[in-house]
Amino acid sequence: MLAEIITIGDEILIGQIVDTNSAFIGKEFNKIGISVYQITSVQDDREHILQALKDAKSRVQVVIVTGGLGPTKDDVTKHTFCEFFGDVLVEDKNVLHHVEELFRKHISGTPISDINRKQAMVPSKATVLHNPNGTAPGMWIEEDGTVFVSLPGVPFEMKHLLTDSVIPKIIERFERPFIIHKTLVTYGLGESAIAARIEDWEDNLPPLSNWPICRIWEKYVCE
């Protein structure tokens, strides 16, 4: 089973921040039998995001998008999702209540603005994923058998949503193979010398896309 990660934000592309989100997602997906096929970083740009979503849909079953969910004008992920899915934004009362509570408890003295209230606007087709650590909710949309999940770019918010909400839903939604890793530790030889020694072993490894073998093995172990 394949997934693709799309990270949105000019700050990633100019080297202002390091994309640690993709590394975390890749590790967590590997644990549940999902192989990350590609990681793509795009600008906060409507056309760039639309093309990335279209390309990912043609390749994988799960698309994880991080970033671009803030309240400022350059955060265009939700609007672009609506355009991609032919949808509109609607106000989610639970998200609005959560945002108001965060301001009341943690940002005392600063009144909530209309910009902050916009965080409660979500695509009508989306299943909202509650984000207890921030104002931007996660969003889950499924179309033509592909699941698209939009998560905040803030790492600790993304991690919580991924482990507590996204992964349980993926496990429930998809049949997944096992991914087995074995590490061969060597010393005293160069890479080319080692490659020559293990050539026959490498040639006899089963292809990663060998779904029937993975499913039979999973069925046998589970039973």
Protein backbone atom coordinates (compact mmCIF):
# COMPACT_ATOMS: atom_id res chain seq x y z
CA MET A 1 0.00 0.00 0.00
CA LEU A 2 1.37 3.38 -1.00
CA ALA A 3 1.11 6.88 0.46
CA GLU A 4 2.39 10.27 -0.58
CA ILE A 5 3.29 13.23 1.61
CA ILE A 6 2.79 16.79 0.40
CA THR A 7 4.30 19.54 2.54
CA ILE A 8 3.06 23.06 1.87
CA GLY A 9 4.96 26.21 2.76
CA ASP A 10 7.45 28.67 1.29
CA GLU A 11 9.39 28.45 4.57
CA ILE A 12 10.37 24.87 3.73
CA LEU A 13 11.52 25.68 0.21
CA ILE A 14 13.71 28.61 1.24
CA GLY A 15 15.38 26.58 3.98
CA GLN A 16 13.90 28.59 6.83
CA ILE A 17 12.69 25.39 8.51
CA VAL A 18 13.55 21.70 8.15
CA ASP A 19 10.77 19.31 7.17
CA THR A 20 10.69 16.97 10.17
CA ASN A 21 7.02 16.14 9.60
CA SER A 22 7.70 13.86 6.64
CA ALA A 23 10.27 11.83 8.58
CA PHE A 24 7.80 11.26 11.41
CA ILE A 25 4.96 10.33 9.06
CA GLY A 26 7.20 7.93 7.14
CA LYS A 27 8.23 6.11 10.32
CA GLU A 28 4.69 5.82 11.63
CA PHE A 29 3.33 4.62 8.28
CA ASN A 30 6.05 2.00 7.99
CA LYS A 31 4.87 0.52 11.29
CA ILE A 32 1.40 -0.15 9.85
CA GLY A 33 2.41 -1.49 6.44
CA ILE A 34 2.26 1.68 4.36
CA SER A 35 5.16 2.57 2.10
CA VAL A 36 5.75 6.26 1.34
CA TYR A 37 6.11 6.44 -2.43
CA GLN A 38 7.01 10.12 -2.70
CA ILE A 39 7.47 13.29 -0.65
CA THR A 40 6.71 16.57 -2.39
CA SER A 41 7.24 20.10 -1.07
CA VAL A 42 5.25 22.89 -2.73
CA GLN A 43 4.78 26.62 -2.38
CA ASP A 44 1.77 28.32 -0.82
CA ASP A 45 0.42 28.54 -4.33
CA ARG A 46 -2.99 27.39 -5.57
CA GLU A 47 -1.90 25.94 -8.91
CA HIS A 48 1.14 24.22 -7.42
CA ILE A 49 -0.99 22.55 -4.73
CA LEU A 50 -3.70 21.51 -7.20
CA GLN A 51 -1.14 19.83 -9.46
CA ALA A 52 0.47 18.04 -6.52
CA LEU A 53 -2.91 16.69 -5.38
CA LYS A 54 -3.79 15.53 -8.90
CA ASP A 55 -0.46 13.78 -9.36
CA ALA A 56 -0.61 12.09 -5.96
CA LYS A 57 -4.14 10.80 -6.59
CA SER A 58 -2.91 8.96 -9.67
CA ARG A 59 -0.20 7.15 -7.72
CA VAL A 60 -1.28 6.26 -4.19
CA GLN A 61 -4.14 5.33 -1.88
CA VAL A 62 -3.37 7.80 0.94
CA VAL A 63 -2.26 11.42 0.55
CA ILE A 64 -1.10 13.32 3.63
CA VAL A 65 -0.88 17.09 3.30
CA THR A 66 0.76 19.21 6.00
CA GLY A 67 0.80 22.99 6.31
CA GLY A 68 -1.09 25.94 4.92
CA LEU A 69 -3.95 25.80 7.45
CA GLY A 70 -3.29 29.02 9.32
CA PRO A 71 -5.62 32.04 9.39
CA THR A 72 -3.50 34.34 7.21
CA LYS A 73 -4.01 35.10 3.52
CA ASP A 74 -1.04 33.01 2.39
CA ASP A 75 -2.56 29.87 3.94
CA VAL A 76 -4.56 28.57 0.99
CA THR A 77 -4.83 24.82 1.63
CA LYS A 78 -8.51 24.75 2.61
CA HIS A 79 -9.58 26.89 -0.34
CA THR A 80 -7.51 24.75 -2.70
CA PHE A 81 -9.03 21.57 -1.25
CA CYS A 82 -12.47 22.99 -2.00
CA GLU A 83 -11.48 23.71 -5.58
CA PHE A 84 -9.95 20.25 -6.04
CA PHE A 85 -13.00 18.43 -4.65
CA GLY A 86 -15.65 20.77 -6.05
CA ASP A 87 -16.64 21.78 -2.52
CA VAL A 88 -17.38 24.84 -0.39
CA LEU A 89 -16.31 25.97 3.07
CA VAL A 90 -18.81 25.76 5.89
CA GLU A 91 -18.55 26.71 9.53
CA ASP A 92 -18.03 23.85 11.96
CA LYS A 93 -19.61 24.79 15.31
CA ASN A 94 -17.39 22.41 17.30
CA VAL A 95 -14.21 23.87 15.83
CA LEU A 96 -15.43 27.42 16.49
CA HIS A 97 -16.20 26.56 20.10
CA HIS A 98 -12.74 25.00 20.48
CA VAL A 99 -11.01 28.09 19.05
CA GLU A 100 -12.97 30.38 21.37
CA GLU A 101 -12.07 28.19 24.35
CA LEU A 102 -8.36 28.27 23.45
CA PHE A 103 -8.42 32.06 23.37
CA ARG A 104 -10.31 32.25 26.63
CA LYS A 105 -7.96 29.89 28.48
CA HIS A 106 -4.57 30.62 27.00
CA ILE A 107 -4.64 34.04 25.33
CA SER A 108 -6.40 36.10 27.97
CA GLY A 109 -6.64 39.77 27.17
CA THR A 110 -6.53 39.16 23.42
CA PRO A 111 -10.02 39.12 21.91
CA ILE A 112 -10.72 36.54 19.23
CA SER A 113 -10.87 38.15 15.80
CA ASP A 114 -12.76 37.31 12.64
CA ILE A 115 -9.50 36.01 11.20
CA ASN A 116 -9.23 33.47 14.01
CA ARG A 117 -12.87 32.48 13.61
CA LYS A 118 -12.08 31.54 10.01
CA GLN A 119 -10.26 28.52 11.40
CA ALA A 120 -13.70 26.99 11.92
CA MET A 121 -14.39 27.07 8.17
CA VAL A 122 -13.85 23.61 6.65
CA PRO A 123 -14.81 21.87 3.39
CA SER A 124 -18.34 20.48 3.69
CA LYS A 125 -17.22 17.04 2.44
CA ALA A 126 -14.50 16.74 5.07
CA THR A 127 -14.55 14.67 8.21
CA VAL A 128 -13.11 17.06 10.80
CA LEU A 129 -10.28 15.74 12.97
CA HIS A 130 -10.19 17.49 16.34
CA ASN A 131 -6.91 19.25 17.09
CA PRO A 132 -6.68 19.77 20.88
CA ASN A 133 -3.32 21.53 20.59
CA GLY A 134 -4.16 24.27 18.11
CA THR A 135 -6.81 26.18 16.21
CA ALA A 136 -6.46 24.43 12.83
CA PRO A 137 -8.40 21.15 12.64
CA GLY A 138 -7.34 18.19 10.56
CA MET A 139 -9.49 17.19 7.59
CA TRP A 140 -10.18 13.78 6.04
CA ILE A 141 -11.71 13.57 2.56
CA GLU A 142 -12.12 10.43 0.46
CA GLU A 143 -12.64 10.45 -3.29
CA ASP A 144 -12.51 7.58 -5.79
CA GLY A 145 -10.88 5.26 -3.29
CA THR A 146 -8.09 7.69 -2.34
CA VAL A 147 -7.96 9.25 1.11
CA PHE A 148 -6.71 12.82 1.42
CA VAL A 149 -5.78 14.06 4.89
CA SER A 150 -4.85 17.66 5.61
CA LEU A 151 -2.93 18.30 8.84
CA PRO A 152 -1.42 21.40 10.48
CA GLY A 153 2.23 22.03 9.74
CA VAL A 154 3.13 22.66 13.40
CA PRO A 155 5.00 19.43 14.27
CA PHE A 156 3.53 18.69 17.71
CA GLU A 157 0.00 19.34 16.43
CA MET A 158 0.57 17.15 13.37
CA LYS A 159 2.07 14.29 15.41
CA HIS A 160 -0.85 14.18 17.82
CA LEU A 161 -3.44 14.18 15.03
CA LEU A 162 -1.58 11.55 13.03
CA THR A 163 -1.17 9.06 15.88
CA ASP A 164 -4.51 9.64 17.63
CA SER A 165 -6.86 10.22 14.68
CA VAL A 166 -5.40 9.47 11.26
CA ILE A 167 -3.63 6.15 11.79
CA PRO A 168 -6.59 4.51 13.61
CA LYS A 169 -8.88 5.55 10.74
CA ILE A 170 -6.45 4.22 8.12
CA ILE A 171 -6.14 0.90 9.96
CA GLU A 172 -9.92 0.62 10.01
CA ARG A 173 -10.33 1.68 6.38
CA PHE A 174 -7.61 -0.30 4.56
CA GLU A 175 -6.26 -3.84 4.42
CA ARG A 176 -2.50 -3.47 4.68
CA PRO A 177 0.49 -5.78 4.20
CA PHE A 178 3.32 -6.25 6.65
CA ILE A 179 6.61 -4.47 5.96
CA ILE A 180 9.62 -6.41 7.27
CA HIS A 181 13.04 -4.78 7.61
CA LYS A 182 16.30 -6.59 8.26
CA THR A 183 19.53 -4.67 8.81
CA LEU A 184 22.88 -6.16 7.78
CA VAL A 185 25.74 -4.56 9.73
CA THR A 186 29.19 -4.65 8.11
CA TYR A 187 32.63 -3.20 8.75
CA GLY A 188 36.06 -3.11 7.15
CA LEU A 189 34.88 -3.14 3.53
CA GLY A 190 33.85 -0.45 1.08
CA GLU A 191 30.36 -0.19 -0.33
CA SER A 192 31.29 -1.57 -3.76
CA ALA A 193 33.01 -4.63 -2.24
CA ILE A 194 29.98 -5.38 -0.08
CA ALA A 195 27.66 -4.92 -3.07
CA ALA A 196 29.57 -7.57 -4.99
CA ARG A 197 29.34 -10.05 -2.10
CA ILE A 198 25.59 -9.71 -1.60
CA GLU A 199 24.61 -9.44 -5.27
CA ASP A 200 23.02 -12.92 -5.42
CA TRP A 201 21.13 -12.28 -2.19
CA GLU A 202 19.79 -8.95 -3.49
CA ASP A 203 18.70 -10.49 -6.79
CA ASN A 204 16.60 -13.07 -4.94
CA LEU A 205 14.66 -10.60 -2.80
CA PRO A 206 10.91 -10.47 -3.63
CA PRO A 207 9.67 -7.25 -5.24
CA LEU A 208 8.10 -4.70 -2.89
CA SER A 209 4.97 -4.67 -5.00
CA ASN A 210 4.37 -8.40 -4.51
CA TRP A 211 0.94 -7.93 -2.94
CA PRO A 212 -0.29 -11.56 -3.10
CA ILE A 213 2.67 -12.83 -1.04
CA CYS A 214 2.21 -10.06 1.54
CA ARG A 215 -1.52 -10.75 1.90
CA ILE A 216 -1.08 -14.52 2.19
CA TRP A 217 1.62 -14.06 4.82
CA GLU A 218 -0.56 -11.57 6.74
CA LYS A 219 -3.52 -13.98 6.68
CA TYR A 220 -1.38 -16.88 7.87
CA VAL A 221 0.12 -14.91 10.77
CA CYS A 222 -3.20 -13.43 11.87
CA GLU A 223 -4.85 -16.83 11.93
